[in-house]
């Protein structure tokens, strides 16, 4: 199930294997395929998504970020925090304004923190029900530190 902007959503994208032909419509390809077919993928029109494994850096996308609508950051295990750093980098340093989607093995307890660093969509793993995700999205009502989500901090609210 896909959660986008806090609500269940249909996924218009098709995840495409590296050796599969590209269908019409929005697609998600691996970073490897994107780098190998960059010109053709950018020229084909339609929305384009790129999936990054946790060991891959979003810096490889910099020249093309304006043509990419979606970056999927893969969590191989809930204890691998590299996608947190990649999302924050995409939002704050690289100024990516498209969708950043979490995929793979993450916990419901991490969802509120994923939002803080810039994720706005979640491919829920089997261990996270839609009800758990909904609760997690409301988990943090006030924040102390500024983050990529742009929420006002408690200090800002006091002023």
C-alpha atoms as a PDB file:
ATOM      1  CA  UNK A   1       0.000   0.000   0.000  1.00  0.00           C
ATOM      2  CA  UNK A   2       1.154   3.500  -0.837  1.00  0.00           C
ATOM      3  CA  UNK A   3       0.658   6.443   1.529  1.00  0.00           C
ATOM      4  CA  UNK A   4       1.217   9.889  -0.014  1.00  0.00           C
ATOM      5  CA  UNK A   5       0.769  13.162   1.854  1.00  0.00           C
ATOM      6  CA  UNK A   6      -0.745  11.240   4.760  1.00  0.00           C
ATOM      7  CA  UNK A   7      -3.433   9.464   2.719  1.00  0.00           C
ATOM      8  CA  UNK A   8      -3.722   6.106   0.941  1.00  0.00           C
ATOM      9  CA  UNK A   9      -2.991   6.694  -2.733  1.00  0.00           C
ATOM     10  CA  UNK A  10      -2.951   4.863  -6.017  1.00  0.00           C
ATOM     11  CA  UNK A  11       0.510   4.381  -7.454  1.00  0.00           C
ATOM     12  CA  UNK A  12       0.629   5.631 -11.040  1.00  0.00           C
ATOM     13  CA  UNK A  13       4.242   4.469 -11.431  1.00  0.00           C
ATOM     14  CA  UNK A  14       5.410   1.092 -12.733  1.00  0.00           C
ATOM     15  CA  UNK A  15       8.670  -0.271 -11.329  1.00  0.00           C
ATOM     16  CA  UNK A  16      10.700  -1.524 -14.302  1.00  0.00           C
ATOM     17  CA  UNK A  17      13.494  -4.095 -14.164  1.00  0.00           C
ATOM     18  CA  UNK A  18      16.817  -3.140 -15.723  1.00  0.00           C
ATOM     19  CA  UNK A  19      16.341  -5.510 -18.653  1.00  0.00           C
ATOM     20  CA  UNK A  20      12.614  -4.880 -19.262  1.00  0.00           C
ATOM     21  CA  UNK A  21      11.251  -2.645 -22.017  1.00  0.00           C
ATOM     22  CA  UNK A  22       9.821   0.683 -20.925  1.00  0.00           C
ATOM     23  CA  UNK A  23       6.028   0.959 -21.057  1.00  0.00           C
ATOM     24  CA  UNK A  24       4.152   4.181 -21.637  1.00  0.00           C
ATOM     25  CA  UNK A  25       3.371   6.190 -18.529  1.00  0.00           C
ATOM     26  CA  UNK A  26       5.251   6.951 -15.332  1.00  0.00           C
ATOM     27  CA  UNK A  27       8.104   4.548 -14.540  1.00  0.00           C
ATOM     28  CA  UNK A  28      10.603   3.885 -11.770  1.00  0.00           C
ATOM     29  CA  UNK A  29      14.028   2.665 -12.848  1.00  0.00           C
ATOM     30  CA  UNK A  30      17.161   1.790 -10.919  1.00  0.00           C
ATOM     31  CA  UNK A  31      19.988   4.300 -10.638  1.00  0.00           C
ATOM     32  CA  UNK A  32      22.120   1.934 -12.730  1.00  0.00           C
ATOM     33  CA  UNK A  33      19.596   1.965 -15.574  1.00  0.00           C
ATOM     34  CA  UNK A  34      19.036   5.689 -15.268  1.00  0.00           C
ATOM     35  CA  UNK A  35      22.743   6.433 -15.597  1.00  0.00           C
ATOM     36  CA  UNK A  36      23.102   4.040 -18.553  1.00  0.00           C
ATOM     37  CA  UNK A  37      20.037   5.398 -20.404  1.00  0.00           C
ATOM     38  CA  UNK A  38      19.932   8.971 -19.100  1.00  0.00           C
ATOM     39  CA  UNK A  39      19.334  10.705 -22.454  1.00  0.00           C
ATOM     40  CA  UNK A  40      16.644   8.301 -23.647  1.00  0.00           C
ATOM     41  CA  UNK A  41      14.818   8.320 -20.306  1.00  0.00           C
ATOM     42  CA  UNK A  42      14.862  12.111 -20.095  1.00  0.00           C
ATOM     43  CA  UNK A  43      13.636  12.468 -23.683  1.00  0.00           C
ATOM     44  CA  UNK A  44      10.774   9.979 -23.485  1.00  0.00           C
ATOM     45  CA  UNK A  45       8.378  12.324 -21.727  1.00  0.00           C
ATOM     46  CA  UNK A  46       6.158  11.288 -18.865  1.00  0.00           C
ATOM     47  CA  UNK A  47       7.024  11.233 -15.210  1.00  0.00           C
ATOM     48  CA  UNK A  48      10.240   9.511 -14.242  1.00  0.00           C
ATOM     49  CA  UNK A  49      11.202   7.966 -10.934  1.00  0.00           C
ATOM     50  CA  UNK A  50      14.607   6.660  -9.866  1.00  0.00           C
ATOM     51  CA  UNK A  51      15.148   4.032  -7.152  1.00  0.00           C
ATOM     52  CA  UNK A  52      18.275   4.366  -5.025  1.00  0.00           C
ATOM     53  CA  UNK A  53      19.638   1.546  -2.892  1.00  0.00           C
ATOM     54  CA  UNK A  54      20.865   2.681   0.515  1.00  0.00           C
ATOM     55  CA  UNK A  55      24.523   2.612  -0.575  1.00  0.00           C
ATOM     56  CA  UNK A  56      23.843   4.870  -3.607  1.00  0.00           C
ATOM     57  CA  UNK A  57      24.120   8.636  -3.286  1.00  0.00           C
ATOM     58  CA  UNK A  58      21.542  11.093  -4.608  1.00  0.00           C
ATOM     59  CA  UNK A  59      24.433  13.257  -5.839  1.00  0.00           C
ATOM     60  CA  UNK A  60      24.493  11.107  -8.996  1.00  0.00           C
ATOM     61  CA  UNK A  61      21.105  12.638  -9.895  1.00  0.00           C
ATOM     62  CA  UNK A  62      22.128  16.296  -9.560  1.00  0.00           C
ATOM     63  CA  UNK A  63      22.385  17.133 -13.283  1.00  0.00           C
ATOM     64  CA  UNK A  64      18.917  15.686 -13.868  1.00  0.00           C
ATOM     65  CA  UNK A  65      16.918  16.503 -10.727  1.00  0.00           C
ATOM     66  CA  UNK A  66      14.722  18.950 -12.627  1.00  0.00           C
ATOM     67  CA  UNK A  67      13.565  16.076 -14.900  1.00  0.00           C
ATOM     68  CA  UNK A  68      12.952  13.544 -12.118  1.00  0.00           C
ATOM     69  CA  UNK A  69       9.538  13.532 -10.445  1.00  0.00           C
ATOM     70  CA  UNK A  70      10.165  10.804  -7.861  1.00  0.00           C
ATOM     71  CA  UNK A  71      13.115   9.409  -5.928  1.00  0.00           C
ATOM     72  CA  UNK A  72      12.500   6.105  -4.144  1.00  0.00           C
ATOM     73  CA  UNK A  73      14.920   5.459  -1.288  1.00  0.00           C
ATOM     74  CA  UNK A  74      15.226   1.803  -0.390  1.00  0.00           C
ATOM     75  CA  UNK A  75      15.640   0.620   3.223  1.00  0.00           C
ATOM     76  CA  UNK A  76      17.288  -2.826   3.123  1.00  0.00           C
ATOM     77  CA  UNK A  77      16.810  -3.084   6.906  1.00  0.00           C
ATOM     78  CA  UNK A  78      15.099  -0.782   9.403  1.00  0.00           C
ATOM     79  CA  UNK A  79      18.399  -0.192  11.171  1.00  0.00           C
ATOM     80  CA  UNK A  80      20.076   1.175   8.010  1.00  0.00           C
ATOM     81  CA  UNK A  81      19.820   4.953   8.367  1.00  0.00           C
ATOM     82  CA  UNK A  82      21.434   6.006   5.097  1.00  0.00           C
ATOM     83  CA  UNK A  83      18.083   6.732   3.367  1.00  0.00           C
ATOM     84  CA  UNK A  84      17.350   9.275   6.132  1.00  0.00           C
ATOM     85  CA  UNK A  85      20.519  11.137   5.163  1.00  0.00           C
ATOM     86  CA  UNK A  86      19.775  10.845   1.444  1.00  0.00           C
ATOM     87  CA  UNK A  87      16.279  12.309   1.870  1.00  0.00           C
ATOM     88  CA  UNK A  88      17.577  15.214   3.921  1.00  0.00           C
ATOM     89  CA  UNK A  89      20.300  15.860   1.358  1.00  0.00           C
ATOM     90  CA  UNK A  90      17.787  15.803  -1.488  1.00  0.00           C
ATOM     91  CA  UNK A  91      15.478  18.299   0.242  1.00  0.00           C
ATOM     92  CA  UNK A  92      17.909  20.712   1.871  1.00  0.00           C
ATOM     93  CA  UNK A  93      21.126  20.743  -0.129  1.00  0.00           C
ATOM     94  CA  UNK A  94      19.968  19.618  -3.564  1.00  0.00           C
ATOM     95  CA  UNK A  95      16.611  21.462  -3.354  1.00  0.00           C
ATOM     96  CA  UNK A  96      14.645  18.536  -4.813  1.00  0.00           C
ATOM     97  CA  UNK A  97      10.945  19.397  -4.846  1.00  0.00           C
ATOM     98  CA  UNK A  98       9.559  16.143  -6.221  1.00  0.00           C
ATOM     99  CA  UNK A  99       8.259  13.162  -4.283  1.00  0.00           C
ATOM    100  CA  UNK A 100      10.617  11.242  -2.010  1.00  0.00           C
ATOM    101  CA  UNK A 101       9.267   7.794  -1.244  1.00  0.00           C
ATOM    102  CA  UNK A 102      10.417   5.318   1.422  1.00  0.00           C
ATOM    103  CA  UNK A 103      10.430   1.680   0.397  1.00  0.00           C
ATOM    104  CA  UNK A 104      11.630  -1.512   2.001  1.00  0.00           C
ATOM    105  CA  UNK A 105      12.096  -2.425   5.637  1.00  0.00           C
ATOM    106  CA  UNK A 106      11.194   0.524   7.854  1.00  0.00           C
ATOM    107  CA  UNK A 107       9.149   0.614  11.056  1.00  0.00           C
ATOM    108  CA  UNK A 108       5.953   2.481  11.867  1.00  0.00           C
ATOM    109  CA  UNK A 109       7.927   4.154  14.685  1.00  0.00           C
ATOM    110  CA  UNK A 110      10.230   5.708  12.071  1.00  0.00           C
ATOM    111  CA  UNK A 111       7.520   7.310   9.903  1.00  0.00           C
ATOM    112  CA  UNK A 112       7.287  10.581  11.847  1.00  0.00           C
ATOM    113  CA  UNK A 113      11.056  10.982  11.600  1.00  0.00           C
ATOM    114  CA  UNK A 114      11.008  10.095   7.900  1.00  0.00           C
ATOM    115  CA  UNK A 115       8.594  12.982   7.382  1.00  0.00           C
ATOM    116  CA  UNK A 116      10.932  15.341   9.230  1.00  0.00           C
ATOM    117  CA  UNK A 117      13.850  14.638   6.875  1.00  0.00           C
ATOM    118  CA  UNK A 118      11.840  15.060   3.682  1.00  0.00           C
ATOM    119  CA  UNK A 119       9.962  11.884   2.795  1.00  0.00           C
ATOM    120  CA  UNK A 120       6.388  12.495   1.679  1.00  0.00           C
ATOM    121  CA  UNK A 121       5.332   9.025   0.505  1.00  0.00           C
ATOM    122  CA  UNK A 122       5.665   5.505   1.881  1.00  0.00           C
ATOM    123  CA  UNK A 123       5.390   2.061   0.317  1.00  0.00           C
ATOM    124  CA  UNK A 124       4.251   0.342   3.482  1.00  0.00           C
ATOM    125  CA  UNK A 125       6.087  -2.871   4.358  1.00  0.00           C
ATOM    126  CA  UNK A 126       3.905  -5.827   5.444  1.00  0.00           C
ATOM    127  CA  UNK A 127       4.658  -5.083   9.112  1.00  0.00           C
ATOM    128  CA  UNK A 128       3.040  -1.613   8.893  1.00  0.00           C
ATOM    129  CA  UNK A 129      -0.719  -1.510   8.535  1.00  0.00           C
ATOM    130  CA  UNK A 130      -2.494   1.590   7.202  1.00  0.00           C
ATOM    131  CA  UNK A 131      -3.849   2.238  10.733  1.00  0.00           C
ATOM    132  CA  UNK A 132      -0.338   2.100  12.225  1.00  0.00           C
ATOM    133  CA  UNK A 133       0.905   4.449   9.506  1.00  0.00           C
ATOM    134  CA  UNK A 134      -1.933   6.916  10.153  1.00  0.00           C
ATOM    135  CA  UNK A 135      -1.092   6.984  13.879  1.00  0.00           C
ATOM    136  CA  UNK A 136       2.603   7.374  13.143  1.00  0.00           C
ATOM    137  CA  UNK A 137       1.941  10.331  10.849  1.00  0.00           C
ATOM    138  CA  UNK A 138       0.311  12.153  13.782  1.00  0.00           C
ATOM    139  CA  UNK A 139       2.849  10.999  16.372  1.00  0.00           C
ATOM    140  CA  UNK A 140       4.867  14.191  16.769  1.00  0.00           C
ATOM    141  CA  UNK A 141       2.712  17.234  17.488  1.00  0.00           C
ATOM    142  CA  UNK A 142       5.479  19.757  18.277  1.00  0.00           C
ATOM    143  CA  UNK A 143       9.139  19.804  17.326  1.00  0.00           C
ATOM    144  CA  UNK A 144      12.258  21.274  18.895  1.00  0.00           C
ATOM    145  CA  UNK A 145      14.675  21.300  15.960  1.00  0.00           C
ATOM    146  CA  UNK A 146      14.230  22.722  12.474  1.00  0.00           C
ATOM    147  CA  UNK A 147      14.223  20.067   9.764  1.00  0.00           C
ATOM    148  CA  UNK A 148      13.526  19.540   6.076  1.00  0.00           C
ATOM    149  CA  UNK A 149       9.768  19.421   6.679  1.00  0.00           C
ATOM    150  CA  UNK A 150       9.762  23.152   7.493  1.00  0.00           C
ATOM    151  CA  UNK A 151       7.580  22.809  10.603  1.00  0.00           C
ATOM    152  CA  UNK A 152       7.727  25.621  13.130  1.00  0.00           C
ATOM    153  CA  UNK A 153       9.712  24.701  16.200  1.00  0.00           C
ATOM    154  CA  UNK A 154       8.478  25.202  19.751  1.00  0.00           C
ATOM    155  CA  UNK A 155      10.798  28.230  20.023  1.00  0.00           C
ATOM    156  CA  UNK A 156       9.185  29.724  16.887  1.00  0.00           C
ATOM    157  CA  UNK A 157       5.722  29.151  18.312  1.00  0.00           C
ATOM    158  CA  UNK A 158       6.675  30.901  21.568  1.00  0.00           C
ATOM    159  CA  UNK A 159       7.791  34.038  19.768  1.00  0.00           C
END
